[in-house]
């Protein structure tokens, strides 16, 4: 078995998010930007690049409503350009293999009708293969009522001996999901969160850093390039400190850092686990 390297370089992306899955040109533009950021991450030596929820599209409840645009109702997913989404995902997977980089890319995952799709995160290996998929579990009221099917399990995967968990959307608000990943002995959790409105979301960054320090692991937070949201993509170290942040002006770009396993990190995790076991015994 190959020895786990002492550090692992990862990149978190901040990219343009579009809201209309019926717009084929818009989907292709999003995918082209994703591929450009993948190339940038690979150029800087990243082994993994992590994208925001809605990296290919963050479907609007208004656009998708079968009663819309003036009334929110069940989403009509027959309007989505599924063929284009599939084509662009395939091209992104192919590029991952060419660059030799892992890619975590959120997108909508189609299910057989009449089931609603999942809001998902695809894990693409450095060989260009989709090797896993995480489906958002803690759906918002709108998502659960009108748009998506909820996921039902955690997902982990490994890159060069480092294990990662995945979280999407409002999963970031639920501490129990992050405690669950601690029990699964991850080195970090990749959180993809989208906000395309003007609401301020500074608290999402606080939540992400809180999960990092509470569980003594790394947390990567990928968000859109949205100046109105009040947050940028970044990677928190296990002390809850930003180790890297994307452009402060919320323009598209990446941030990179090297993950490592320090003795202090393991001491903290061992203490927490032993305490939990004692209390629960």
C-alpha atoms as a PDB file:
ATOM      1  CA  UNK A   1       0.000   0.000   0.000  1.00  0.00           C
ATOM      2  CA  UNK A   2       1.488   3.401  -0.971  1.00  0.00           C
ATOM      3  CA  UNK A   3       2.471   5.661   1.918  1.00  0.00           C
ATOM      4  CA  UNK A   4       0.126   8.566   2.645  1.00  0.00           C
ATOM      5  CA  UNK A   5       1.884  11.845   1.779  1.00  0.00           C
ATOM      6  CA  UNK A   6       2.570  14.300   4.582  1.00  0.00           C
ATOM      7  CA  UNK A   7       0.375  16.915   2.891  1.00  0.00           C
ATOM      8  CA  UNK A   8      -2.247  17.208   0.178  1.00  0.00           C
ATOM      9  CA  UNK A   9      -2.844  20.342  -1.879  1.00  0.00           C
ATOM     10  CA  UNK A  10      -6.500  21.139  -2.561  1.00  0.00           C
ATOM     11  CA  UNK A  11      -8.253  24.013  -4.305  1.00  0.00           C
ATOM     12  CA  UNK A  12     -11.653  25.529  -3.638  1.00  0.00           C
ATOM     13  CA  UNK A  13     -13.342  27.398  -6.472  1.00  0.00           C
ATOM     14  CA  UNK A  14     -15.579  30.443  -6.569  1.00  0.00           C
ATOM     15  CA  UNK A  15     -17.486  30.432  -9.844  1.00  0.00           C
ATOM     16  CA  UNK A  16     -20.393  32.055 -11.661  1.00  0.00           C
ATOM     17  CA  UNK A  17     -23.732  30.415 -10.876  1.00  0.00           C
ATOM     18  CA  UNK A  18     -26.611  30.566 -13.344  1.00  0.00           C
ATOM     19  CA  UNK A  19     -30.204  29.708 -12.463  1.00  0.00           C
ATOM     20  CA  UNK A  20     -31.854  28.613 -15.730  1.00  0.00           C
ATOM     21  CA  UNK A  21     -31.452  24.915 -16.631  1.00  0.00           C
ATOM     22  CA  UNK A  22     -33.458  25.506 -19.815  1.00  0.00           C
ATOM     23  CA  UNK A  23     -30.673  27.777 -21.150  1.00  0.00           C
ATOM     24  CA  UNK A  24     -28.271  25.500 -23.040  1.00  0.00           C
ATOM     25  CA  UNK A  25     -25.800  28.291 -23.779  1.00  0.00           C
ATOM     26  CA  UNK A  26     -25.733  29.288 -20.109  1.00  0.00           C
ATOM     27  CA  UNK A  27     -25.037  25.706 -19.034  1.00  0.00           C
ATOM     28  CA  UNK A  28     -22.170  25.478 -21.511  1.00  0.00           C
ATOM     29  CA  UNK A  29     -20.753  28.789 -20.276  1.00  0.00           C
ATOM     30  CA  UNK A  30     -20.813  27.554 -16.671  1.00  0.00           C
ATOM     31  CA  UNK A  31     -19.083  24.336 -17.660  1.00  0.00           C
ATOM     32  CA  UNK A  32     -16.431  26.231 -19.626  1.00  0.00           C
ATOM     33  CA  UNK A  33     -15.668  28.349 -16.548  1.00  0.00           C
ATOM     34  CA  UNK A  34     -15.431  25.201 -14.424  1.00  0.00           C
ATOM     35  CA  UNK A  35     -12.926  23.701 -16.839  1.00  0.00           C
ATOM     36  CA  UNK A  36     -10.853  26.887 -16.799  1.00  0.00           C
ATOM     37  CA  UNK A  37     -10.680  26.833 -12.995  1.00  0.00           C
ATOM     38  CA  UNK A  38      -9.773  23.129 -13.059  1.00  0.00           C
ATOM     39  CA  UNK A  39      -6.825  23.926 -15.308  1.00  0.00           C
ATOM     40  CA  UNK A  40      -5.746  26.735 -12.994  1.00  0.00           C
ATOM     41  CA  UNK A  41      -5.932  24.437  -9.957  1.00  0.00           C
ATOM     42  CA  UNK A  42      -3.927  21.731 -11.719  1.00  0.00           C
ATOM     43  CA  UNK A  43      -1.327  24.309 -12.808  1.00  0.00           C
ATOM     44  CA  UNK A  44      -0.789  25.195  -9.147  1.00  0.00           C
ATOM     45  CA  UNK A  45      -0.315  21.563  -8.152  1.00  0.00           C
ATOM     46  CA  UNK A  46      -3.711  20.807  -6.599  1.00  0.00           C
ATOM     47  CA  UNK A  47      -4.704  17.165  -6.367  1.00  0.00           C
ATOM     48  CA  UNK A  48      -8.378  18.043  -5.818  1.00  0.00           C
ATOM     49  CA  UNK A  49     -10.593  20.973  -6.805  1.00  0.00           C
ATOM     50  CA  UNK A  50     -13.956  21.611  -5.125  1.00  0.00           C
ATOM     51  CA  UNK A  51     -16.847  23.598  -6.652  1.00  0.00           C
ATOM     52  CA  UNK A  52     -19.946  25.369  -5.336  1.00  0.00           C
ATOM     53  CA  UNK A  53     -23.496  24.110  -5.305  1.00  0.00           C
ATOM     54  CA  UNK A  54     -24.944  25.155  -8.651  1.00  0.00           C
ATOM     55  CA  UNK A  55     -21.582  25.075 -10.435  1.00  0.00           C
ATOM     56  CA  UNK A  56     -23.324  23.920 -13.607  1.00  0.00           C
ATOM     57  CA  UNK A  57     -26.725  25.381 -12.664  1.00  0.00           C
ATOM     58  CA  UNK A  58     -28.680  26.327  -9.530  1.00  0.00           C
ATOM     59  CA  UNK A  59     -32.243  25.930 -10.836  1.00  0.00           C
ATOM     60  CA  UNK A  60     -34.626  28.730  -9.914  1.00  0.00           C
ATOM     61  CA  UNK A  61     -37.880  27.688  -8.261  1.00  0.00           C
ATOM     62  CA  UNK A  62     -39.608  30.373 -10.361  1.00  0.00           C
ATOM     63  CA  UNK A  63     -38.202  29.202 -13.676  1.00  0.00           C
ATOM     64  CA  UNK A  64     -38.916  25.551 -12.895  1.00  0.00           C
ATOM     65  CA  UNK A  65     -42.427  26.020 -11.478  1.00  0.00           C
ATOM     66  CA  UNK A  66     -45.103  24.500 -13.673  1.00  0.00           C
ATOM     67  CA  UNK A  67     -47.375  27.308 -12.413  1.00  0.00           C
ATOM     68  CA  UNK A  68     -44.796  30.064 -12.884  1.00  0.00           C
ATOM     69  CA  UNK A  69     -43.473  32.585 -13.210  1.00  0.00           C
ATOM     70  CA  UNK A  70     -45.970  34.234 -10.865  1.00  0.00           C
ATOM     71  CA  UNK A  71     -46.732  31.272  -8.601  1.00  0.00           C
ATOM     72  CA  UNK A  72     -44.422  28.695  -7.061  1.00  0.00           C
ATOM     73  CA  UNK A  73     -45.521  25.126  -7.593  1.00  0.00           C
ATOM     74  CA  UNK A  74     -44.131  21.683  -8.457  1.00  0.00           C
ATOM     75  CA  UNK A  75     -41.084  21.878 -10.687  1.00  0.00           C
ATOM     76  CA  UNK A  76     -41.434  20.804 -14.288  1.00  0.00           C
ATOM     77  CA  UNK A  77     -38.099  19.081 -14.862  1.00  0.00           C
ATOM     78  CA  UNK A  78     -38.973  18.165 -18.454  1.00  0.00           C
ATOM     79  CA  UNK A  79     -37.940  21.746 -19.282  1.00  0.00           C
ATOM     80  CA  UNK A  80     -34.319  21.177 -18.217  1.00  0.00           C
ATOM     81  CA  UNK A  81     -31.634  20.654 -20.842  1.00  0.00           C
ATOM     82  CA  UNK A  82     -30.633  17.261 -19.478  1.00  0.00           C
ATOM     83  CA  UNK A  83     -28.659  16.264 -22.571  1.00  0.00           C
ATOM     84  CA  UNK A  84     -26.481  19.376 -22.270  1.00  0.00           C
ATOM     85  CA  UNK A  85     -25.916  18.810 -18.541  1.00  0.00           C
ATOM     86  CA  UNK A  86     -24.844  15.224 -19.244  1.00  0.00           C
ATOM     87  CA  UNK A  87     -22.579  16.262 -22.106  1.00  0.00           C
ATOM     88  CA  UNK A  88     -20.845  18.947 -20.030  1.00  0.00           C
ATOM     89  CA  UNK A  89     -20.419  16.635 -17.034  1.00  0.00           C
ATOM     90  CA  UNK A  90     -18.796  14.073 -19.336  1.00  0.00           C
ATOM     91  CA  UNK A  91     -16.406  16.727 -20.683  1.00  0.00           C
ATOM     92  CA  UNK A  92     -15.472  17.805 -17.160  1.00  0.00           C
ATOM     93  CA  UNK A  93     -14.822  14.186 -16.178  1.00  0.00           C
ATOM     94  CA  UNK A  94     -12.645  13.707 -19.254  1.00  0.00           C
ATOM     95  CA  UNK A  95     -10.627  16.812 -18.378  1.00  0.00           C
ATOM     96  CA  UNK A  96     -10.097  15.535 -14.813  1.00  0.00           C
ATOM     97  CA  UNK A  97      -8.391  12.508 -16.302  1.00  0.00           C
ATOM     98  CA  UNK A  98      -6.292  14.592 -18.677  1.00  0.00           C
ATOM     99  CA  UNK A  99      -5.162  16.914 -15.872  1.00  0.00           C
ATOM    100  CA  UNK A 100      -4.726  14.119 -13.314  1.00  0.00           C
ATOM    101  CA  UNK A 101      -6.816  15.988 -10.751  1.00  0.00           C
ATOM    102  CA  UNK A 102      -9.835  15.001  -8.642  1.00  0.00           C
ATOM    103  CA  UNK A 103     -12.922  17.168  -9.125  1.00  0.00           C
ATOM    104  CA  UNK A 104     -15.945  17.555  -6.836  1.00  0.00           C
ATOM    105  CA  UNK A 105     -18.704  19.071  -8.935  1.00  0.00           C
ATOM    106  CA  UNK A 106     -22.282  19.739  -7.760  1.00  0.00           C
ATOM    107  CA  UNK A 107     -25.088  19.343 -10.290  1.00  0.00           C
ATOM    108  CA  UNK A 108     -28.673  18.140 -10.565  1.00  0.00           C
ATOM    109  CA  UNK A 109     -28.915  14.351 -10.797  1.00  0.00           C
ATOM    110  CA  UNK A 110     -31.844  13.083 -12.864  1.00  0.00           C
ATOM    111  CA  UNK A 111     -33.949  10.204 -11.523  1.00  0.00           C
ATOM    112  CA  UNK A 112     -36.503   8.118 -13.447  1.00  0.00           C
ATOM    113  CA  UNK A 113     -39.860   9.884 -13.699  1.00  0.00           C
ATOM    114  CA  UNK A 114     -41.979  10.671 -11.803  1.00  0.00           C
ATOM    115  CA  UNK A 115     -39.310  11.039  -9.096  1.00  0.00           C
ATOM    116  CA  UNK A 116     -37.775  14.462  -8.607  1.00  0.00           C
ATOM    117  CA  UNK A 117     -34.013  14.742  -9.129  1.00  0.00           C
ATOM    118  CA  UNK A 118     -31.372  14.970  -6.426  1.00  0.00           C
ATOM    119  CA  UNK A 119     -29.293  18.047  -5.702  1.00  0.00           C
ATOM    120  CA  UNK A 120     -25.965  16.263  -5.854  1.00  0.00           C
ATOM    121  CA  UNK A 121     -22.182  16.452  -5.720  1.00  0.00           C
ATOM    122  CA  UNK A 122     -20.284  14.264  -8.182  1.00  0.00           C
ATOM    123  CA  UNK A 123     -16.841  12.946  -7.284  1.00  0.00           C
ATOM    124  CA  UNK A 124     -14.651  12.578 -10.373  1.00  0.00           C
ATOM    125  CA  UNK A 125     -11.323  10.767 -10.019  1.00  0.00           C
ATOM    126  CA  UNK A 126      -7.996  11.757 -11.500  1.00  0.00           C
ATOM    127  CA  UNK A 127      -8.599   8.996 -14.063  1.00  0.00           C
ATOM    128  CA  UNK A 128     -11.648  10.816 -15.405  1.00  0.00           C
ATOM    129  CA  UNK A 129     -14.267   8.530 -13.853  1.00  0.00           C
ATOM    130  CA  UNK A 130     -17.292   9.451 -11.721  1.00  0.00           C
ATOM    131  CA  UNK A 131     -16.582   7.302  -8.673  1.00  0.00           C
ATOM    132  CA  UNK A 132     -19.182   8.536  -6.184  1.00  0.00           C
ATOM    133  CA  UNK A 133     -22.113  10.896  -5.682  1.00  0.00           C
ATOM    134  CA  UNK A 134     -23.528  12.651  -2.638  1.00  0.00           C
ATOM    135  CA  UNK A 135     -27.165  13.793  -2.524  1.00  0.00           C
ATOM    136  CA  UNK A 136     -28.154  16.749  -0.322  1.00  0.00           C
ATOM    137  CA  UNK A 137     -30.000  15.479   2.744  1.00  0.00           C
ATOM    138  CA  UNK A 138     -31.269  18.534   4.629  1.00  0.00           C
ATOM    139  CA  UNK A 139     -33.425  20.148   1.955  1.00  0.00           C
ATOM    140  CA  UNK A 140     -34.961  23.575   2.434  1.00  0.00           C
ATOM    141  CA  UNK A 141     -38.759  23.799   2.564  1.00  0.00           C
ATOM    142  CA  UNK A 142     -38.880  24.963  -1.050  1.00  0.00           C
ATOM    143  CA  UNK A 143     -36.544  22.243  -2.261  1.00  0.00           C
ATOM    144  CA  UNK A 144     -38.375  19.509  -0.347  1.00  0.00           C
ATOM    145  CA  UNK A 145     -41.867  20.696  -1.295  1.00  0.00           C
ATOM    146  CA  UNK A 146     -41.422  21.545  -4.949  1.00  0.00           C
ATOM    147  CA  UNK A 147     -38.057  20.563  -6.379  1.00  0.00           C
ATOM    148  CA  UNK A 148     -35.915  17.663  -5.164  1.00  0.00           C
ATOM    149  CA  UNK A 149     -35.669  14.212  -3.650  1.00  0.00           C
ATOM    150  CA  UNK A 150     -33.585  14.166  -0.468  1.00  0.00           C
ATOM    151  CA  UNK A 151     -30.515  11.995  -0.071  1.00  0.00           C
ATOM    152  CA  UNK A 152     -30.280   9.589   2.845  1.00  0.00           C
ATOM    153  CA  UNK A 153     -26.631   8.800   3.625  1.00  0.00           C
ATOM    154  CA  UNK A 154     -23.174  10.265   4.138  1.00  0.00           C
ATOM    155  CA  UNK A 155     -20.541   9.747   1.455  1.00  0.00           C
ATOM    156  CA  UNK A 156     -16.766   9.583   1.828  1.00  0.00           C
ATOM    157  CA  UNK A 157     -13.945   9.133  -0.647  1.00  0.00           C
ATOM    158  CA  UNK A 158     -10.137   9.138  -0.518  1.00  0.00           C
ATOM    159  CA  UNK A 159      -7.443  11.020  -2.395  1.00  0.00           C
ATOM    160  CA  UNK A 160      -3.861   9.857  -1.787  1.00  0.00           C
ATOM    161  CA  UNK A 161      -4.843   8.426   1.599  1.00  0.00           C
ATOM    162  CA  UNK A 162      -6.795  11.509   2.773  1.00  0.00           C
ATOM    163  CA  UNK A 163     -10.480  10.897   3.423  1.00  0.00           C
ATOM    164  CA  UNK A 164     -13.180  13.484   2.679  1.00  0.00           C
ATOM    165  CA  UNK A 165     -16.879  13.805   3.463  1.00  0.00           C
ATOM    166  CA  UNK A 166     -19.408  15.811   1.470  1.00  0.00           C
ATOM    167  CA  UNK A 167     -22.176  18.268   2.363  1.00  0.00           C
ATOM    168  CA  UNK A 168     -24.415  20.388   0.160  1.00  0.00           C
ATOM    169  CA  UNK A 169     -26.775  23.325   0.604  1.00  0.00           C
ATOM    170  CA  UNK A 170     -28.458  23.575   3.992  1.00  0.00           C
ATOM    171  CA  UNK A 171     -26.556  20.526   5.237  1.00  0.00           C
ATOM    172  CA  UNK A 172     -24.081  23.131   6.511  1.00  0.00           C
ATOM    173  CA  UNK A 173     -26.554  24.159   9.235  1.00  0.00           C
ATOM    174  CA  UNK A 174     -26.777  20.718  10.857  1.00  0.00           C
ATOM    175  CA  UNK A 175     -23.949  19.893  13.247  1.00  0.00           C
ATOM    176  CA  UNK A 176     -24.960  16.238  13.529  1.00  0.00           C
ATOM    177  CA  UNK A 177     -23.962  15.619   9.916  1.00  0.00           C
ATOM    178  CA  UNK A 178     -20.457  16.877  10.641  1.00  0.00           C
ATOM    179  CA  UNK A 179     -20.202  14.845  13.853  1.00  0.00           C
ATOM    180  CA  UNK A 180     -21.177  11.828  11.765  1.00  0.00           C
ATOM    181  CA  UNK A 181     -18.263  12.508   9.430  1.00  0.00           C
ATOM    182  CA  UNK A 182     -15.940  12.748  12.428  1.00  0.00           C
ATOM    183  CA  UNK A 183     -17.027   9.245  13.399  1.00  0.00           C
ATOM    184  CA  UNK A 184     -16.239   8.164   9.835  1.00  0.00           C
ATOM    185  CA  UNK A 185     -12.691   9.449  10.428  1.00  0.00           C
ATOM    186  CA  UNK A 186     -12.498  11.993   7.637  1.00  0.00           C
ATOM    187  CA  UNK A 187      -9.644  14.451   7.316  1.00  0.00           C
ATOM    188  CA  UNK A 188     -11.962  17.097   5.897  1.00  0.00           C
ATOM    189  CA  UNK A 189     -15.466  17.889   4.666  1.00  0.00           C
ATOM    190  CA  UNK A 190     -16.188  19.644   1.373  1.00  0.00           C
ATOM    191  CA  UNK A 191     -19.227  21.922   1.715  1.00  0.00           C
ATOM    192  CA  UNK A 192     -20.919  23.319  -1.409  1.00  0.00           C
ATOM    193  CA  UNK A 193     -23.399  26.126  -0.743  1.00  0.00           C
ATOM    194  CA  UNK A 194     -25.159  28.493  -3.151  1.00  0.00           C
ATOM    195  CA  UNK A 195     -26.853  31.821  -2.636  1.00  0.00           C
ATOM    196  CA  UNK A 196     -27.766  33.818  -5.730  1.00  0.00           C
ATOM    197  CA  UNK A 197     -29.910  36.533  -4.149  1.00  0.00           C
ATOM    198  CA  UNK A 198     -28.980  39.648  -2.210  1.00  0.00           C
ATOM    199  CA  UNK A 199     -29.397  38.120   1.256  1.00  0.00           C
ATOM    200  CA  UNK A 200     -26.253  38.346   3.366  1.00  0.00           C
ATOM    201  CA  UNK A 201     -24.848  34.933   4.305  1.00  0.00           C
ATOM    202  CA  UNK A 202     -21.829  35.700   6.470  1.00  0.00           C
ATOM    203  CA  UNK A 203     -23.120  33.157   8.989  1.00  0.00           C
ATOM    204  CA  UNK A 204     -22.472  30.319   6.544  1.00  0.00           C
ATOM    205  CA  UNK A 205     -18.750  30.974   6.766  1.00  0.00           C
ATOM    206  CA  UNK A 206     -19.025  31.037  10.560  1.00  0.00           C
ATOM    207  CA  UNK A 207     -20.875  27.700  10.479  1.00  0.00           C
ATOM    208  CA  UNK A 208     -18.199  26.131   8.284  1.00  0.00           C
ATOM    209  CA  UNK A 209     -15.333  27.284  10.510  1.00  0.00           C
ATOM    210  CA  UNK A 210     -17.278  26.166  13.575  1.00  0.00           C
ATOM    211  CA  UNK A 211     -17.654  22.648  12.191  1.00  0.00           C
ATOM    212  CA  UNK A 212     -13.916  22.577  11.469  1.00  0.00           C
ATOM    213  CA  UNK A 213     -12.859  23.488  14.997  1.00  0.00           C
ATOM    214  CA  UNK A 214     -15.602  21.430  16.678  1.00  0.00           C
ATOM    215  CA  UNK A 215     -14.513  18.288  14.852  1.00  0.00           C
ATOM    216  CA  UNK A 216     -10.794  19.044  14.447  1.00  0.00           C
ATOM    217  CA  UNK A 217     -10.710  18.567  10.695  1.00  0.00           C
ATOM    218  CA  UNK A 218     -10.445  20.708   7.566  1.00  0.00           C
ATOM    219  CA  UNK A 219     -13.547  22.235   5.971  1.00  0.00           C
ATOM    220  CA  UNK A 220     -13.635  23.568   2.419  1.00  0.00           C
ATOM    221  CA  UNK A 221     -16.528  25.942   1.693  1.00  0.00           C
ATOM    222  CA  UNK A 222     -17.314  26.539  -1.988  1.00  0.00           C
ATOM    223  CA  UNK A 223     -19.787  29.330  -2.791  1.00  0.00           C
ATOM    224  CA  UNK A 224     -20.740  31.326  -5.912  1.00  0.00           C
ATOM    225  CA  UNK A 225     -18.980  34.413  -7.175  1.00  0.00           C
ATOM    226  CA  UNK A 226     -21.743  36.604  -5.730  1.00  0.00           C
ATOM    227  CA  UNK A 227     -20.760  39.989  -4.264  1.00  0.00           C
ATOM    228  CA  UNK A 228     -24.177  40.390  -2.618  1.00  0.00           C
ATOM    229  CA  UNK A 229     -23.891  37.269  -0.465  1.00  0.00           C
ATOM    230  CA  UNK A 230     -21.208  38.530   1.889  1.00  0.00           C
ATOM    231  CA  UNK A 231     -19.129  35.330   1.761  1.00  0.00           C
ATOM    232  CA  UNK A 232     -16.324  33.943  -0.357  1.00  0.00           C
ATOM    233  CA  UNK A 233     -15.027  30.452  -0.902  1.00  0.00           C
ATOM    234  CA  UNK A 234     -12.360  29.347   1.531  1.00  0.00           C
ATOM    235  CA  UNK A 235     -10.682  26.475   3.347  1.00  0.00           C
ATOM    236  CA  UNK A 236     -10.701  26.402   7.142  1.00  0.00           C
ATOM    237  CA  UNK A 237      -8.007  24.563   9.059  1.00  0.00           C
ATOM    238  CA  UNK A 238      -8.889  22.434  12.115  1.00  0.00           C
ATOM    239  CA  UNK A 239      -8.521  25.438  14.442  1.00  0.00           C
ATOM    240  CA  UNK A 240     -11.318  27.280  12.632  1.00  0.00           C
ATOM    241  CA  UNK A 241      -8.945  29.693  10.893  1.00  0.00           C
ATOM    242  CA  UNK A 242      -9.171  30.419   7.175  1.00  0.00           C
ATOM    243  CA  UNK A 243      -6.091  28.851   5.622  1.00  0.00           C
ATOM    244  CA  UNK A 244      -7.048  30.122   2.172  1.00  0.00           C
ATOM    245  CA  UNK A 245      -9.757  32.375   0.733  1.00  0.00           C
ATOM    246  CA  UNK A 246     -10.935  33.078  -2.802  1.00  0.00           C
ATOM    247  CA  UNK A 247     -10.860  36.610  -4.268  1.00  0.00           C
ATOM    248  CA  UNK A 248     -12.322  39.065  -1.756  1.00  0.00           C
ATOM    249  CA  UNK A 249     -14.156  40.952  -4.510  1.00  0.00           C
ATOM    250  CA  UNK A 250     -16.205  37.774  -5.168  1.00  0.00           C
ATOM    251  CA  UNK A 251     -14.912  37.370  -8.700  1.00  0.00           C
ATOM    252  CA  UNK A 252     -14.394  33.851 -10.101  1.00  0.00           C
ATOM    253  CA  UNK A 253     -11.170  32.257  -8.918  1.00  0.00           C
ATOM    254  CA  UNK A 254      -9.605  29.614  -6.713  1.00  0.00           C
ATOM    255  CA  UNK A 255      -7.860  29.377  -3.365  1.00  0.00           C
ATOM    256  CA  UNK A 256      -5.315  26.710  -2.485  1.00  0.00           C
ATOM    257  CA  UNK A 257      -3.836  25.255   0.660  1.00  0.00           C
ATOM    258  CA  UNK A 258      -1.946  22.170   1.787  1.00  0.00           C
ATOM    259  CA  UNK A 259      -3.770  19.847   4.156  1.00  0.00           C
ATOM    260  CA  UNK A 260      -1.648  17.984   6.677  1.00  0.00           C
ATOM    261  CA  UNK A 261      -2.088  15.740   9.673  1.00  0.00           C
ATOM    262  CA  UNK A 262      -0.522  17.362  12.715  1.00  0.00           C
ATOM    263  CA  UNK A 263      -0.102  15.531  16.032  1.00  0.00           C
ATOM    264  CA  UNK A 264      -2.192  18.182  17.793  1.00  0.00           C
ATOM    265  CA  UNK A 265      -5.095  17.467  15.445  1.00  0.00           C
ATOM    266  CA  UNK A 266      -5.072  13.757  16.235  1.00  0.00           C
ATOM    267  CA  UNK A 267      -4.788  14.398  19.988  1.00  0.00           C
ATOM    268  CA  UNK A 268      -7.907  16.577  19.855  1.00  0.00           C
ATOM    269  CA  UNK A 269      -9.874  14.037  17.832  1.00  0.00           C
ATOM    270  CA  UNK A 270      -8.864  11.139  20.109  1.00  0.00           C
ATOM    271  CA  UNK A 271      -9.905  13.099  23.191  1.00  0.00           C
ATOM    272  CA  UNK A 272     -13.309  13.924  21.731  1.00  0.00           C
ATOM    273  CA  UNK A 273     -14.000  10.343  20.672  1.00  0.00           C
ATOM    274  CA  UNK A 274     -12.980   8.887  24.021  1.00  0.00           C
ATOM    275  CA  UNK A 275     -15.193  11.407  25.815  1.00  0.00           C
ATOM    276  CA  UNK A 276     -18.173  10.558  23.614  1.00  0.00           C
ATOM    277  CA  UNK A 277     -17.630   6.836  24.165  1.00  0.00           C
ATOM    278  CA  UNK A 278     -17.466   7.325  27.942  1.00  0.00           C
ATOM    279  CA  UNK A 279     -20.656   9.399  28.035  1.00  0.00           C
ATOM    280  CA  UNK A 280     -22.549   7.031  25.746  1.00  0.00           C
ATOM    281  CA  UNK A 281     -21.411   3.807  27.453  1.00  0.00           C
END
